[in-house]
Amino acid sequence: MRSLARASVATAVPPALAEPTAQACRRMARCRSCTVRRNALFVNLTHEELDQIAPSVPDLTLSAGQPLYREGDRPNALFIIRRGVVKLEQYLPDGTYRIVRLARRTDLLALESLLETACDHTAIALTEVEVCRVPLPVVRLVMAKQDWLATQMIRHWHHAVQRADDWLTHYSTGTGRQRIARLLIDLHDLAEMDAEEQEEAGPPLVELPSRDDVGAIVGITKETASRVVADFRRAGLLRNEGARHMTIDRAALAAIAAKDA
């Protein structure tokens, strides 16, 4: 069965890549060393199978504010987040927007592509982001021969639904102070996970979104978001570390998130 799986994966790679280029070799090395893979799409592939797929999977780095895709797009690919946070936006008839979910490391985006439908959201980098773009033909070829991948896809769908359900209670209930405290804690924990993977020392650095984005995430006005963040900063719960980053007092914010002061 394994040899059959390897043969099927090989068909996903164009003949021109039979002799690996420098770029192909770099992508193979990237996939072999990737720590995200064990929680993402091709978790059960051997190194040999990865080597056959990797040359067809480009990696992208996005600056904060740069779109990955927009609502209505058909990217014909899935995206694996390797580092950073992506916001998923939906626009209202009056032109305003709400951020309906934050996607993070190991998450899979544009799953709608599997159903050959347009994307439901606009995906924009909230922080600097690294993603891998897996062309849909590669995904389908592997899924056709590897039953476990279909189950893996269902897990990702289920995870996205759970995240959406959690969002309703996590960021749509409580006072503005509580909601922003929860957001800062979540961003801290994500930064901590990234720091542990990179073996970085010191407290994790939180990249604070714009006031517009904070308001769009927790469902308050940007003026209220700005006031609450300023209050937290004056109270010493946020400490600036450069132009865009800060450290937070996680324990104090957790107390506010649980029961507003």
C-alpha atoms as a PDB file:
ATOM      1  CA  MET A   1       0.000   0.000   0.000  1.00  0.00           C
ATOM      2  CA  ARG A   2       2.805   2.412   0.825  1.00  0.00           C
ATOM      3  CA  SER A   3       4.484   1.932  -2.536  1.00  0.00           C
ATOM      4  CA  LEU A   4       1.144   2.548  -4.235  1.00  0.00           C
ATOM      5  CA  ALA A   5       0.745   5.761  -2.233  1.00  0.00           C
ATOM      6  CA  ARG A   6       4.200   6.923  -3.264  1.00  0.00           C
ATOM      7  CA  ALA A   7       3.480   6.242  -6.905  1.00  0.00           C
ATOM      8  CA  SER A   8       0.250   8.242  -6.751  1.00  0.00           C
ATOM      9  CA  VAL A   9       1.944  11.199  -5.114  1.00  0.00           C
ATOM     10  CA  ALA A  10       4.628  11.212  -7.788  1.00  0.00           C
ATOM     11  CA  THR A  11       2.015  11.987 -10.424  1.00  0.00           C
ATOM     12  CA  ALA A  12       1.401  15.328  -8.719  1.00  0.00           C
ATOM     13  CA  VAL A  13       4.894  16.548  -9.602  1.00  0.00           C
ATOM     14  CA  PRO A  14       5.518  17.870 -13.121  1.00  0.00           C
ATOM     15  CA  PRO A  15       8.140  15.975 -15.137  1.00  0.00           C
ATOM     16  CA  ALA A  16      10.293  19.102 -15.279  1.00  0.00           C
ATOM     17  CA  LEU A  17      10.961  18.662 -11.569  1.00  0.00           C
ATOM     18  CA  ALA A  18      12.424  15.175 -11.965  1.00  0.00           C
ATOM     19  CA  GLU A  19      15.862  16.840 -11.759  1.00  0.00           C
ATOM     20  CA  PRO A  20      15.456  19.127  -8.730  1.00  0.00           C
ATOM     21  CA  THR A  21      16.326  22.782  -9.158  1.00  0.00           C
ATOM     22  CA  ALA A  22      17.844  24.849  -6.354  1.00  0.00           C
ATOM     23  CA  GLN A  23      14.349  26.113  -5.507  1.00  0.00           C
ATOM     24  CA  ALA A  24      12.952  22.574  -5.476  1.00  0.00           C
ATOM     25  CA  CYS A  25      15.741  21.428  -3.153  1.00  0.00           C
ATOM     26  CA  ARG A  26      15.046  24.332  -0.805  1.00  0.00           C
ATOM     27  CA  ARG A  27      11.348  23.431  -0.676  1.00  0.00           C
ATOM     28  CA  MET A  28      12.165  19.771   0.014  1.00  0.00           C
ATOM     29  CA  ALA A  29      14.416  20.756   2.911  1.00  0.00           C
ATOM     30  CA  ARG A  30      11.709  23.117   4.194  1.00  0.00           C
ATOM     31  CA  CYS A  31       9.065  20.382   4.250  1.00  0.00           C
ATOM     32  CA  ARG A  32      11.348  17.814   5.866  1.00  0.00           C
ATOM     33  CA  SER A  33      12.199  20.164   8.744  1.00  0.00           C
ATOM     34  CA  CYS A  34       8.750  21.732   9.118  1.00  0.00           C
ATOM     35  CA  THR A  35       7.379  21.447  12.665  1.00  0.00           C
ATOM     36  CA  VAL A  36       3.894  22.502  11.504  1.00  0.00           C
ATOM     37  CA  ARG A  37       3.477  19.414   9.307  1.00  0.00           C
ATOM     38  CA  ARG A  38       2.633  17.076  12.182  1.00  0.00           C
ATOM     39  CA  ASN A  39      -0.526  19.114  12.866  1.00  0.00           C
ATOM     40  CA  ALA A  40      -1.374  20.194   9.345  1.00  0.00           C
ATOM     41  CA  LEU A  41      -2.155  18.647   5.986  1.00  0.00           C
ATOM     42  CA  PHE A  42       0.422  15.982   5.090  1.00  0.00           C
ATOM     43  CA  VAL A  43       1.103  14.672   8.572  1.00  0.00           C
ATOM     44  CA  ASN A  44       1.540  11.005   7.581  1.00  0.00           C
ATOM     45  CA  LEU A  45       3.675  11.396   4.484  1.00  0.00           C
ATOM     46  CA  THR A  46       7.175   9.928   4.467  1.00  0.00           C
ATOM     47  CA  HIS A  47      10.170  12.084   3.564  1.00  0.00           C
ATOM     48  CA  GLU A  48      10.243  10.497   0.117  1.00  0.00           C
ATOM     49  CA  GLU A  49       6.598  11.393  -0.474  1.00  0.00           C
ATOM     50  CA  LEU A  50       7.218  14.921   0.773  1.00  0.00           C
ATOM     51  CA  ASP A  51      10.117  15.280  -1.638  1.00  0.00           C
ATOM     52  CA  GLN A  52       7.750  14.484  -4.509  1.00  0.00           C
ATOM     53  CA  ILE A  53       5.186  17.082  -3.414  1.00  0.00           C
ATOM     54  CA  ALA A  54       7.354  19.880  -1.994  1.00  0.00           C
ATOM     55  CA  PRO A  55       8.609  21.367  -5.307  1.00  0.00           C
ATOM     56  CA  SER A  56       4.981  22.145  -6.261  1.00  0.00           C
ATOM     57  CA  VAL A  57       4.232  23.914  -2.954  1.00  0.00           C
ATOM     58  CA  PRO A  58       5.475  27.537  -2.810  1.00  0.00           C
ATOM     59  CA  ASP A  59       5.849  29.337   0.493  1.00  0.00           C
ATOM     60  CA  LEU A  60       4.805  32.977   0.914  1.00  0.00           C
ATOM     61  CA  THR A  61       5.645  35.689   3.446  1.00  0.00           C
ATOM     62  CA  LEU A  62       3.020  38.408   3.958  1.00  0.00           C
ATOM     63  CA  SER A  63       3.438  41.682   5.806  1.00  0.00           C
ATOM     64  CA  ALA A  64       0.729  42.778   8.255  1.00  0.00           C
ATOM     65  CA  GLY A  65      -2.214  44.130   6.246  1.00  0.00           C
ATOM     66  CA  GLN A  66      -1.389  42.205   3.054  1.00  0.00           C
ATOM     67  CA  PRO A  67      -4.268  40.070   1.680  1.00  0.00           C
ATOM     68  CA  LEU A  68      -3.847  36.352   1.109  1.00  0.00           C
ATOM     69  CA  TYR A  69      -7.118  36.119  -0.843  1.00  0.00           C
ATOM     70  CA  ARG A  70     -10.404  37.994  -0.981  1.00  0.00           C
ATOM     71  CA  GLU A  71     -14.051  37.015  -0.590  1.00  0.00           C
ATOM     72  CA  GLY A  72     -15.250  35.594  -3.891  1.00  0.00           C
ATOM     73  CA  ASP A  73     -11.774  34.511  -5.031  1.00  0.00           C
ATOM     74  CA  ARG A  74     -11.100  30.979  -6.269  1.00  0.00           C
ATOM     75  CA  PRO A  75      -7.430  30.373  -5.397  1.00  0.00           C
ATOM     76  CA  ASN A  76      -7.491  26.704  -6.478  1.00  0.00           C
ATOM     77  CA  ALA A  77      -5.283  25.943  -3.487  1.00  0.00           C
ATOM     78  CA  LEU A  78      -5.254  25.413   0.260  1.00  0.00           C
ATOM     79  CA  PHE A  79      -3.073  27.510   2.537  1.00  0.00           C
ATOM     80  CA  ILE A  80      -1.210  26.211   5.602  1.00  0.00           C
ATOM     81  CA  ILE A  81      -0.204  28.855   8.138  1.00  0.00           C
ATOM     82  CA  ARG A  82       3.341  28.246   9.350  1.00  0.00           C
ATOM     83  CA  ARG A  83       3.791  31.425  11.400  1.00  0.00           C
ATOM     84  CA  GLY A  84       1.728  34.432  12.394  1.00  0.00           C
ATOM     85  CA  VAL A  85      -1.990  35.249  12.536  1.00  0.00           C
ATOM     86  CA  VAL A  86      -4.465  35.778   9.675  1.00  0.00           C
ATOM     87  CA  LYS A  87      -7.768  37.615  10.125  1.00  0.00           C
ATOM     88  CA  LEU A  88     -10.861  36.457   8.233  1.00  0.00           C
ATOM     89  CA  GLU A  89     -13.149  39.365   7.385  1.00  0.00           C
ATOM     90  CA  GLN A  90     -16.716  39.682   6.148  1.00  0.00           C
ATOM     91  CA  TYR A  91     -18.108  42.967   4.860  1.00  0.00           C
ATOM     92  CA  LEU A  92     -21.520  44.375   5.714  1.00  0.00           C
ATOM     93  CA  PRO A  93     -23.838  46.181   3.251  1.00  0.00           C
ATOM     94  CA  ASP A  94     -22.872  49.582   4.729  1.00  0.00           C
ATOM     95  CA  GLY A  95     -19.197  48.947   3.915  1.00  0.00           C
ATOM     96  CA  THR A  96     -18.085  48.187   7.450  1.00  0.00           C
ATOM     97  CA  TYR A  97     -16.452  44.886   8.269  1.00  0.00           C
ATOM     98  CA  ARG A  98     -16.277  42.358  11.071  1.00  0.00           C
ATOM     99  CA  ILE A  99     -13.437  39.987  11.786  1.00  0.00           C
ATOM    100  CA  VAL A 100     -15.168  36.645  12.217  1.00  0.00           C
ATOM    101  CA  ARG A 101     -12.166  34.466  13.032  1.00  0.00           C
ATOM    102  CA  LEU A 102      -8.440  34.519  13.606  1.00  0.00           C
ATOM    103  CA  ALA A 103      -6.456  31.731  11.949  1.00  0.00           C
ATOM    104  CA  ARG A 104      -3.138  30.755  13.424  1.00  0.00           C
ATOM    105  CA  ARG A 105      -0.197  28.428  13.122  1.00  0.00           C
ATOM    106  CA  THR A 106      -1.118  24.964  11.649  1.00  0.00           C
ATOM    107  CA  ASP A 107      -4.570  26.190  10.513  1.00  0.00           C
ATOM    108  CA  LEU A 108      -5.759  25.434   6.988  1.00  0.00           C
ATOM    109  CA  LEU A 109      -7.419  28.191   4.928  1.00  0.00           C
ATOM    110  CA  ALA A 110      -9.575  28.248   1.776  1.00  0.00           C
ATOM    111  CA  LEU A 111     -11.102  24.844   2.488  1.00  0.00           C
ATOM    112  CA  GLU A 112     -14.020  26.013   0.321  1.00  0.00           C
ATOM    113  CA  SER A 113     -11.771  25.240  -2.648  1.00  0.00           C
ATOM    114  CA  LEU A 114     -12.391  21.534  -2.051  1.00  0.00           C
ATOM    115  CA  LEU A 115     -16.062  22.143  -2.908  1.00  0.00           C
ATOM    116  CA  GLU A 116     -15.137  24.234  -5.950  1.00  0.00           C
ATOM    117  CA  THR A 117     -16.873  27.284  -4.464  1.00  0.00           C
ATOM    118  CA  ALA A 118     -15.637  30.835  -3.988  1.00  0.00           C
ATOM    119  CA  CYS A 119     -14.010  31.866  -0.712  1.00  0.00           C
ATOM    120  CA  ASP A 120     -16.424  32.988   1.994  1.00  0.00           C
ATOM    121  CA  HIS A 121     -14.060  35.478   3.644  1.00  0.00           C
ATOM    122  CA  THR A 122     -11.272  37.919   2.919  1.00  0.00           C
ATOM    123  CA  ALA A 123      -8.065  36.615   4.511  1.00  0.00           C
ATOM    124  CA  ILE A 124      -5.558  39.310   5.516  1.00  0.00           C
ATOM    125  CA  ALA A 125      -2.342  39.012   7.510  1.00  0.00           C
ATOM    126  CA  LEU A 126      -2.895  40.435  11.001  1.00  0.00           C
ATOM    127  CA  THR A 127       0.798  40.049  11.801  1.00  0.00           C
ATOM    128  CA  GLU A 128       3.683  39.070   9.556  1.00  0.00           C
ATOM    129  CA  VAL A 129       2.687  35.663   8.235  1.00  0.00           C
ATOM    130  CA  GLU A 130       4.358  32.700   6.566  1.00  0.00           C
ATOM    131  CA  VAL A 131       2.099  30.330   4.619  1.00  0.00           C
ATOM    132  CA  CYS A 132       2.487  27.401   2.253  1.00  0.00           C
ATOM    133  CA  ARG A 133       0.238  27.343  -0.812  1.00  0.00           C
ATOM    134  CA  VAL A 134      -0.755  23.773  -1.682  1.00  0.00           C
ATOM    135  CA  PRO A 135      -2.284  23.596  -5.189  1.00  0.00           C
ATOM    136  CA  LEU A 136      -5.624  21.831  -5.220  1.00  0.00           C
ATOM    137  CA  PRO A 137      -4.542  19.268  -7.855  1.00  0.00           C
ATOM    138  CA  VAL A 138      -1.806  18.101  -5.460  1.00  0.00           C
ATOM    139  CA  VAL A 139      -4.310  17.792  -2.617  1.00  0.00           C
ATOM    140  CA  ARG A 140      -6.784  15.838  -4.741  1.00  0.00           C
ATOM    141  CA  LEU A 141      -4.190  13.417  -6.069  1.00  0.00           C
ATOM    142  CA  VAL A 142      -3.036  12.554  -2.571  1.00  0.00           C
ATOM    143  CA  MET A 143      -6.603  12.317  -1.233  1.00  0.00           C
ATOM    144  CA  ALA A 144      -7.551   9.899  -4.012  1.00  0.00           C
ATOM    145  CA  LYS A 145      -5.103   7.269  -2.759  1.00  0.00           C
ATOM    146  CA  GLN A 146      -4.724   8.056   0.950  1.00  0.00           C
ATOM    147  CA  ASP A 147      -7.902   7.535   2.951  1.00  0.00           C
ATOM    148  CA  TRP A 148      -6.485   9.142   6.095  1.00  0.00           C
ATOM    149  CA  LEU A 149      -6.237  12.535   4.348  1.00  0.00           C
ATOM    150  CA  ALA A 150     -10.017  12.733   3.903  1.00  0.00           C
ATOM    151  CA  THR A 151     -10.375  12.243   7.661  1.00  0.00           C
ATOM    152  CA  GLN A 152      -7.742  14.906   8.230  1.00  0.00           C
ATOM    153  CA  MET A 153      -9.748  17.342   6.126  1.00  0.00           C
ATOM    154  CA  ILE A 154     -12.870  16.639   8.182  1.00  0.00           C
ATOM    155  CA  ARG A 155     -10.872  17.368  11.328  1.00  0.00           C
ATOM    156  CA  HIS A 156      -9.873  20.748   9.913  1.00  0.00           C
ATOM    157  CA  TRP A 157     -13.487  21.555   8.994  1.00  0.00           C
ATOM    158  CA  HIS A 158     -14.617  20.553  12.484  1.00  0.00           C
ATOM    159  CA  HIS A 159     -11.873  22.643  14.055  1.00  0.00           C
ATOM    160  CA  ALA A 160     -12.977  25.694  12.039  1.00  0.00           C
ATOM    161  CA  VAL A 161     -16.604  25.198  13.122  1.00  0.00           C
ATOM    162  CA  GLN A 162     -15.555  24.867  16.763  1.00  0.00           C
ATOM    163  CA  ARG A 163     -13.476  28.030  16.456  1.00  0.00           C
ATOM    164  CA  ALA A 164     -16.462  29.917  15.037  1.00  0.00           C
ATOM    165  CA  ASP A 165     -18.685  28.698  17.897  1.00  0.00           C
ATOM    166  CA  ASP A 166     -16.098  29.684  20.494  1.00  0.00           C
ATOM    167  CA  TRP A 167     -15.775  33.107  18.867  1.00  0.00           C
ATOM    168  CA  LEU A 168     -19.438  33.913  19.582  1.00  0.00           C
ATOM    169  CA  THR A 169     -19.004  33.485  23.334  1.00  0.00           C
ATOM    170  CA  HIS A 170     -15.369  34.517  23.676  1.00  0.00           C
ATOM    171  CA  TYR A 171     -15.482  37.877  21.879  1.00  0.00           C
ATOM    172  CA  SER A 172     -19.204  38.690  21.838  1.00  0.00           C
ATOM    173  CA  THR A 173     -20.023  38.540  25.557  1.00  0.00           C
ATOM    174  CA  GLY A 174     -18.874  40.568  28.520  1.00  0.00           C
ATOM    175  CA  THR A 175     -17.692  44.162  28.748  1.00  0.00           C
ATOM    176  CA  GLY A 176     -15.299  45.784  26.314  1.00  0.00           C
ATOM    177  CA  ARG A 177     -12.530  45.469  28.913  1.00  0.00           C
ATOM    178  CA  GLN A 178     -13.148  41.746  29.254  1.00  0.00           C
ATOM    179  CA  ARG A 179     -13.199  41.165  25.498  1.00  0.00           C
ATOM    180  CA  ILE A 180      -9.981  43.082  24.862  1.00  0.00           C
ATOM    181  CA  ALA A 181      -8.299  41.320  27.782  1.00  0.00           C
ATOM    182  CA  ARG A 182      -9.256  37.971  26.213  1.00  0.00           C
ATOM    183  CA  LEU A 183      -7.879  39.081  22.844  1.00  0.00           C
ATOM    184  CA  LEU A 184      -4.560  40.176  24.359  1.00  0.00           C
ATOM    185  CA  ILE A 185      -4.258  36.864  26.218  1.00  0.00           C
ATOM    186  CA  ASP A 186      -4.934  34.917  23.010  1.00  0.00           C
ATOM    187  CA  LEU A 187      -2.328  36.932  21.082  1.00  0.00           C
ATOM    188  CA  HIS A 188       0.156  36.411  23.929  1.00  0.00           C
ATOM    189  CA  ASP A 189      -0.390  32.648  23.894  1.00  0.00           C
ATOM    190  CA  LEU A 190       0.035  32.496  20.113  1.00  0.00           C
ATOM    191  CA  ALA A 191       3.269  34.494  20.329  1.00  0.00           C
ATOM    192  CA  GLU A 192       4.461  32.188  23.099  1.00  0.00           C
ATOM    193  CA  MET A 193       3.841  29.114  20.934  1.00  0.00           C
ATOM    194  CA  ASP A 194       5.824  30.653  18.075  1.00  0.00           C
ATOM    195  CA  ALA A 195       8.665  31.616  20.432  1.00  0.00           C
ATOM    196  CA  GLU A 196       8.873  28.070  21.812  1.00  0.00           C
ATOM    197  CA  GLU A 197       9.067  26.639  18.290  1.00  0.00           C
ATOM    198  CA  GLN A 198      11.865  29.063  17.406  1.00  0.00           C
ATOM    199  CA  GLU A 199      13.561  28.462  20.795  1.00  0.00           C
ATOM    200  CA  GLU A 200      13.532  32.190  21.496  1.00  0.00           C
ATOM    201  CA  ALA A 201      14.322  33.344  25.032  1.00  0.00           C
ATOM    202  CA  GLY A 202      12.455  35.978  27.000  1.00  0.00           C
ATOM    203  CA  PRO A 203       8.766  36.873  27.331  1.00  0.00           C
ATOM    204  CA  PRO A 204       6.694  36.608  24.135  1.00  0.00           C
ATOM    205  CA  LEU A 205       6.178  39.829  22.197  1.00  0.00           C
ATOM    206  CA  VAL A 206       2.559  40.603  21.324  1.00  0.00           C
ATOM    207  CA  GLU A 207       1.885  42.472  18.076  1.00  0.00           C
ATOM    208  CA  LEU A 208      -1.145  44.628  18.799  1.00  0.00           C
ATOM    209  CA  PRO A 209      -3.634  44.944  15.909  1.00  0.00           C
ATOM    210  CA  SER A 210      -4.862  48.353  14.797  1.00  0.00           C
ATOM    211  CA  ARG A 211      -7.657  49.942  16.819  1.00  0.00           C
ATOM    212  CA  ASP A 212      -9.999  49.332  13.864  1.00  0.00           C
ATOM    213  CA  ASP A 213      -9.137  45.629  13.911  1.00  0.00           C
ATOM    214  CA  VAL A 214      -9.462  45.354  17.695  1.00  0.00           C
ATOM    215  CA  GLY A 215     -12.938  46.886  17.436  1.00  0.00           C
ATOM    216  CA  ALA A 216     -13.868  44.602  14.523  1.00  0.00           C
ATOM    217  CA  ILE A 217     -12.747  41.527  16.449  1.00  0.00           C
ATOM    218  CA  VAL A 218     -14.528  42.176  19.746  1.00  0.00           C
ATOM    219  CA  GLY A 219     -17.516  44.117  18.379  1.00  0.00           C
ATOM    220  CA  ILE A 220     -16.929  47.574  19.895  1.00  0.00           C
ATOM    221  CA  THR A 221     -16.110  50.973  18.402  1.00  0.00           C
ATOM    222  CA  LYS A 222     -12.495  51.821  17.664  1.00  0.00           C
ATOM    223  CA  GLU A 223     -12.789  54.735  20.111  1.00  0.00           C
ATOM    224  CA  THR A 224     -13.750  52.363  22.928  1.00  0.00           C
ATOM    225  CA  ALA A 225     -10.973  49.972  21.910  1.00  0.00           C
ATOM    226  CA  SER A 226      -8.439  52.821  21.975  1.00  0.00           C
ATOM    227  CA  ARG A 227      -9.604  53.972  25.409  1.00  0.00           C
ATOM    228  CA  VAL A 228      -9.444  50.489  26.933  1.00  0.00           C
ATOM    229  CA  VAL A 229      -5.966  49.805  25.528  1.00  0.00           C
ATOM    230  CA  ALA A 230      -4.787  53.173  26.880  1.00  0.00           C
ATOM    231  CA  ASP A 231      -6.245  52.303  30.314  1.00  0.00           C
ATOM    232  CA  PHE A 232      -4.417  48.955  30.302  1.00  0.00           C
ATOM    233  CA  ARG A 233      -1.177  50.689  29.343  1.00  0.00           C
ATOM    234  CA  ARG A 234      -1.495  53.281  32.143  1.00  0.00           C
ATOM    235  CA  ALA A 235      -2.169  50.482  34.622  1.00  0.00           C
ATOM    236  CA  GLY A 236       1.083  48.764  33.595  1.00  0.00           C
ATOM    237  CA  LEU A 237      -0.658  45.757  32.047  1.00  0.00           C
ATOM    238  CA  LEU A 238       0.904  46.508  28.644  1.00  0.00           C
ATOM    239  CA  ARG A 239       4.543  47.499  28.156  1.00  0.00           C
ATOM    240  CA  ASN A 240       5.796  48.795  24.822  1.00  0.00           C
ATOM    241  CA  GLU A 241       8.690  46.907  23.217  1.00  0.00           C
ATOM    242  CA  GLY A 242       9.349  48.864  20.039  1.00  0.00           C
ATOM    243  CA  ALA A 243       6.910  50.485  17.640  1.00  0.00           C
ATOM    244  CA  ARG A 244       4.443  47.600  17.182  1.00  0.00           C
ATOM    245  CA  HIS A 245       5.176  45.057  19.908  1.00  0.00           C
ATOM    246  CA  MET A 246       4.544  44.814  23.626  1.00  0.00           C
ATOM    247  CA  THR A 247       4.665  42.451  26.552  1.00  0.00           C
ATOM    248  CA  ILE A 248       1.598  41.941  28.740  1.00  0.00           C
ATOM    249  CA  ASP A 249       0.778  41.062  32.330  1.00  0.00           C
ATOM    250  CA  ARG A 250      -1.078  37.880  31.477  1.00  0.00           C
ATOM    251  CA  ALA A 251      -2.216  37.048  35.024  1.00  0.00           C
ATOM    252  CA  ALA A 252      -3.746  40.496  35.607  1.00  0.00           C
ATOM    253  CA  LEU A 253      -5.482  40.448  32.215  1.00  0.00           C
ATOM    254  CA  ALA A 254      -6.816  36.943  32.907  1.00  0.00           C
ATOM    255  CA  ALA A 255      -8.416  38.256  36.100  1.00  0.00           C
ATOM    256  CA  ILE A 256     -10.107  41.054  34.128  1.00  0.00           C
ATOM    257  CA  ALA A 257     -11.227  38.618  31.418  1.00  0.00           C
ATOM    258  CA  ALA A 258     -12.851  36.373  34.016  1.00  0.00           C
ATOM    259  CA  LYS A 259     -14.540  39.157  35.974  1.00  0.00           C
ATOM    260  CA  ASP A 260     -14.328  42.791  35.010  1.00  0.00           C
ATOM    261  CA  ALA A 261     -12.694  45.059  37.596  1.00  0.00           C
END
